[in-house]
Amino acid sequence: MPGIPVALLRNATLFAAFGSMYFEITFMSDVEHRQQFFAPIIDEVERALAVRAVYLAER
């Protein structure tokens, strides 16, 4: 990219990597955080599986 120093891009990549590692470690170790973040997703998956089970049972 013209006009952007390579060192700036390397630093941005490094900070993004550390940020994503922090995010992953926090969600793997903090149960409350994980439940708060994943609860809506898990509810939707459970609902979809329940609907599928009813569909297969009625089929």
N, C-alpha and C. Protein backbone atom coordinates (compact mmCIF):
# COMPACT_ATOMS: atom_id res chain seq x y z
N MET A 1 0.84 -1.18 0.00
CA MET A 1 0.00 0.00 0.00
C MET A 1 0.88 1.24 0.00
N PRO A 2 0.70 2.07 -0.94
CA PRO A 2 1.54 3.27 -1.00
C PRO A 2 1.22 4.24 0.14
N GLY A 3 2.25 4.79 0.71
CA GLY A 3 2.08 5.81 1.75
C GLY A 3 1.98 5.26 3.16
N ILE A 4 1.90 3.96 3.32
CA ILE A 4 1.81 3.37 4.65
C ILE A 4 3.10 2.59 4.91
N PRO A 5 3.80 2.95 5.97
CA PRO A 5 5.05 2.24 6.28
C PRO A 5 4.80 0.77 6.61
N VAL A 6 5.71 -0.07 6.21
CA VAL A 6 5.60 -1.51 6.46
C VAL A 6 5.60 -1.79 7.96
N ALA A 7 6.37 -1.04 8.72
CA ALA A 7 6.43 -1.24 10.17
C ALA A 7 5.05 -1.01 10.80
N LEU A 8 4.30 -0.05 10.29
CA LEU A 8 2.96 0.22 10.81
C LEU A 8 2.04 -0.97 10.56
N LEU A 9 2.13 -1.56 9.38
CA LEU A 9 1.31 -2.73 9.08
C LEU A 9 1.70 -3.93 9.95
N ARG A 10 3.00 -4.10 10.18
CA ARG A 10 3.45 -5.20 11.04
C ARG A 10 2.95 -5.02 12.47
N ASN A 11 3.02 -3.79 12.97
CA ASN A 11 2.54 -3.52 14.32
C ASN A 11 1.03 -3.74 14.42
N ALA A 12 0.30 -3.32 13.41
CA ALA A 12 -1.15 -3.52 13.42
C ALA A 12 -1.48 -5.00 13.43
N THR A 13 -0.73 -5.78 12.65
CA THR A 13 -0.95 -7.23 12.62
C THR A 13 -0.63 -7.85 13.98
N LEU A 14 0.43 -7.41 14.59
CA LEU A 14 0.80 -7.92 15.91
C LEU A 14 -0.27 -7.61 16.95
N PHE A 15 -0.76 -6.37 16.97
CA PHE A 15 -1.81 -6.00 17.92
C PHE A 15 -3.10 -6.77 17.65
N ALA A 16 -3.44 -7.00 16.40
CA ALA A 16 -4.64 -7.77 16.07
C ALA A 16 -4.49 -9.21 16.55
N ALA A 17 -3.31 -9.77 16.40
CA ALA A 17 -3.07 -11.14 16.86
C ALA A 17 -3.20 -11.24 18.38
N PHE A 18 -2.61 -10.30 19.10
CA PHE A 18 -2.72 -10.33 20.56
C PHE A 18 -4.16 -10.09 21.01
N GLY A 19 -4.86 -9.21 20.32
CA GLY A 19 -6.26 -8.96 20.66
C GLY A 19 -7.12 -10.19 20.47
N SER A 20 -6.91 -10.90 19.38
CA SER A 20 -7.71 -12.10 19.15
C SER A 20 -7.33 -13.21 20.13
N MET A 21 -6.06 -13.31 20.50
CA MET A 21 -5.66 -14.30 21.50
C MET A 21 -6.31 -13.99 22.84
N TYR A 22 -6.33 -12.71 23.22
CA TYR A 22 -6.97 -12.31 24.49
C TYR A 22 -8.45 -12.68 24.46
N PHE A 23 -9.11 -12.41 23.34
CA PHE A 23 -10.53 -12.73 23.18
C PHE A 23 -10.75 -14.23 23.36
N GLU A 24 -9.95 -15.05 22.71
CA GLU A 24 -10.09 -16.50 22.80
C GLU A 24 -9.83 -17.01 24.21
N ILE A 25 -8.78 -16.53 24.84
CA ILE A 25 -8.45 -16.99 26.20
C ILE A 25 -9.53 -16.59 27.19
N THR A 26 -10.06 -15.38 27.04
CA THR A 26 -11.11 -14.92 27.94
C THR A 26 -12.35 -15.79 27.81
N PHE A 27 -12.74 -16.09 26.59
CA PHE A 27 -13.95 -16.88 26.40
C PHE A 27 -13.75 -18.35 26.74
N MET A 28 -12.54 -18.84 26.67
CA MET A 28 -12.30 -20.23 27.06
C MET A 28 -12.25 -20.38 28.57
N SER A 29 -11.83 -19.36 29.30
CA SER A 29 -11.63 -19.49 30.73
C SER A 29 -12.74 -18.87 31.58
N ASP A 30 -13.45 -17.89 31.07
CA ASP A 30 -14.48 -17.21 31.85
C ASP A 30 -15.86 -17.76 31.49
N VAL A 31 -16.44 -18.53 32.40
CA VAL A 31 -17.71 -19.21 32.13
C VAL A 31 -18.83 -18.21 31.92
N GLU A 32 -18.91 -17.18 32.75
CA GLU A 32 -19.98 -16.19 32.62
C GLU A 32 -19.92 -15.47 31.28
N HIS A 33 -18.73 -15.08 30.90
CA HIS A 33 -18.55 -14.40 29.61
C HIS A 33 -18.99 -15.31 28.47
N ARG A 34 -18.58 -16.56 28.53
CA ARG A 34 -18.90 -17.52 27.47
C ARG A 34 -20.41 -17.74 27.39
N GLN A 35 -21.04 -17.90 28.54
CA GLN A 35 -22.49 -18.12 28.54
C GLN A 35 -23.23 -16.89 28.03
N GLN A 36 -22.78 -15.71 28.41
CA GLN A 36 -23.43 -14.49 27.97
C GLN A 36 -23.30 -14.33 26.45
N PHE A 37 -22.16 -14.67 25.91
CA PHE A 37 -21.92 -14.49 24.48
C PHE A 37 -22.60 -15.58 23.65
N PHE A 38 -22.51 -16.83 24.10
CA PHE A 38 -22.99 -17.94 23.31
C PHE A 38 -24.42 -18.36 23.61
N ALA A 39 -25.03 -17.85 24.67
CA ALA A 39 -26.38 -18.27 25.04
C ALA A 39 -27.39 -18.06 23.91
N PRO A 40 -27.44 -16.90 23.27
CA PRO A 40 -28.41 -16.74 22.17
C PRO A 40 -28.15 -17.69 21.01
N ILE A 41 -26.90 -17.95 20.71
CA ILE A 41 -26.56 -18.84 19.61
C ILE A 41 -26.98 -20.26 19.95
N ILE A 42 -26.69 -20.69 21.17
CA ILE A 42 -27.04 -22.05 21.60
C ILE A 42 -28.56 -22.22 21.62
N ASP A 43 -29.29 -21.18 22.06
CA ASP A 43 -30.75 -21.26 22.06
C ASP A 43 -31.30 -21.45 20.65
N GLU A 44 -30.75 -20.73 19.69
CA GLU A 44 -31.21 -20.86 18.30
C GLU A 44 -30.91 -22.25 17.75
N VAL A 45 -29.74 -22.77 18.05
CA VAL A 45 -29.38 -24.11 17.57
C VAL A 45 -30.29 -25.16 18.20
N GLU A 46 -30.55 -25.04 19.50
CA GLU A 46 -31.44 -25.99 20.17
C GLU A 46 -32.85 -25.93 19.59
N ARG A 47 -33.33 -24.72 19.30
CA ARG A 47 -34.66 -24.57 18.72
C ARG A 47 -34.72 -25.21 17.32
N ALA A 48 -33.68 -24.98 16.53
CA ALA A 48 -33.64 -25.57 15.19
C ALA A 48 -33.59 -27.09 15.25
N LEU A 49 -32.83 -27.64 16.19
CA LEU A 49 -32.77 -29.10 16.34
C LEU A 49 -34.10 -29.67 16.83
N ALA A 50 -34.79 -28.94 17.69
CA ALA A 50 -36.09 -29.40 18.17
C ALA A 50 -37.11 -29.42 17.03
N VAL A 51 -37.11 -28.39 16.22
CA VAL A 51 -38.02 -28.33 15.07
C VAL A 51 -37.71 -29.47 14.10
N ARG A 52 -36.43 -29.73 13.88
CA ARG A 52 -36.04 -30.83 12.99
C ARG A 52 -36.48 -32.18 13.55
N ALA A 53 -36.35 -32.36 14.87
CA ALA A 53 -36.77 -33.61 15.48
C ALA A 53 -38.27 -33.83 15.32
N VAL A 54 -39.05 -32.77 15.50
CA VAL A 54 -40.51 -32.88 15.32
C VAL A 54 -40.82 -33.19 13.85
N TYR A 55 -40.14 -32.53 12.95
CA TYR A 55 -40.35 -32.76 11.52
C TYR A 55 -40.05 -34.23 11.16
N LEU A 56 -38.93 -34.73 11.65
CA LEU A 56 -38.56 -36.11 11.34
C LEU A 56 -39.52 -37.11 11.99
N ALA A 57 -40.03 -36.78 13.17
CA ALA A 57 -40.97 -37.66 13.85
C ALA A 57 -42.31 -37.73 13.12
N GLU A 58 -42.73 -36.62 12.54
CA GLU A 58 -44.01 -36.54 11.83
C GLU A 58 -43.92 -37.07 10.42
N ARG A 59 -42.76 -37.19 9.91
CA ARG A 59 -42.55 -37.62 8.53
C ARG A 59 -42.86 -39.02 8.35
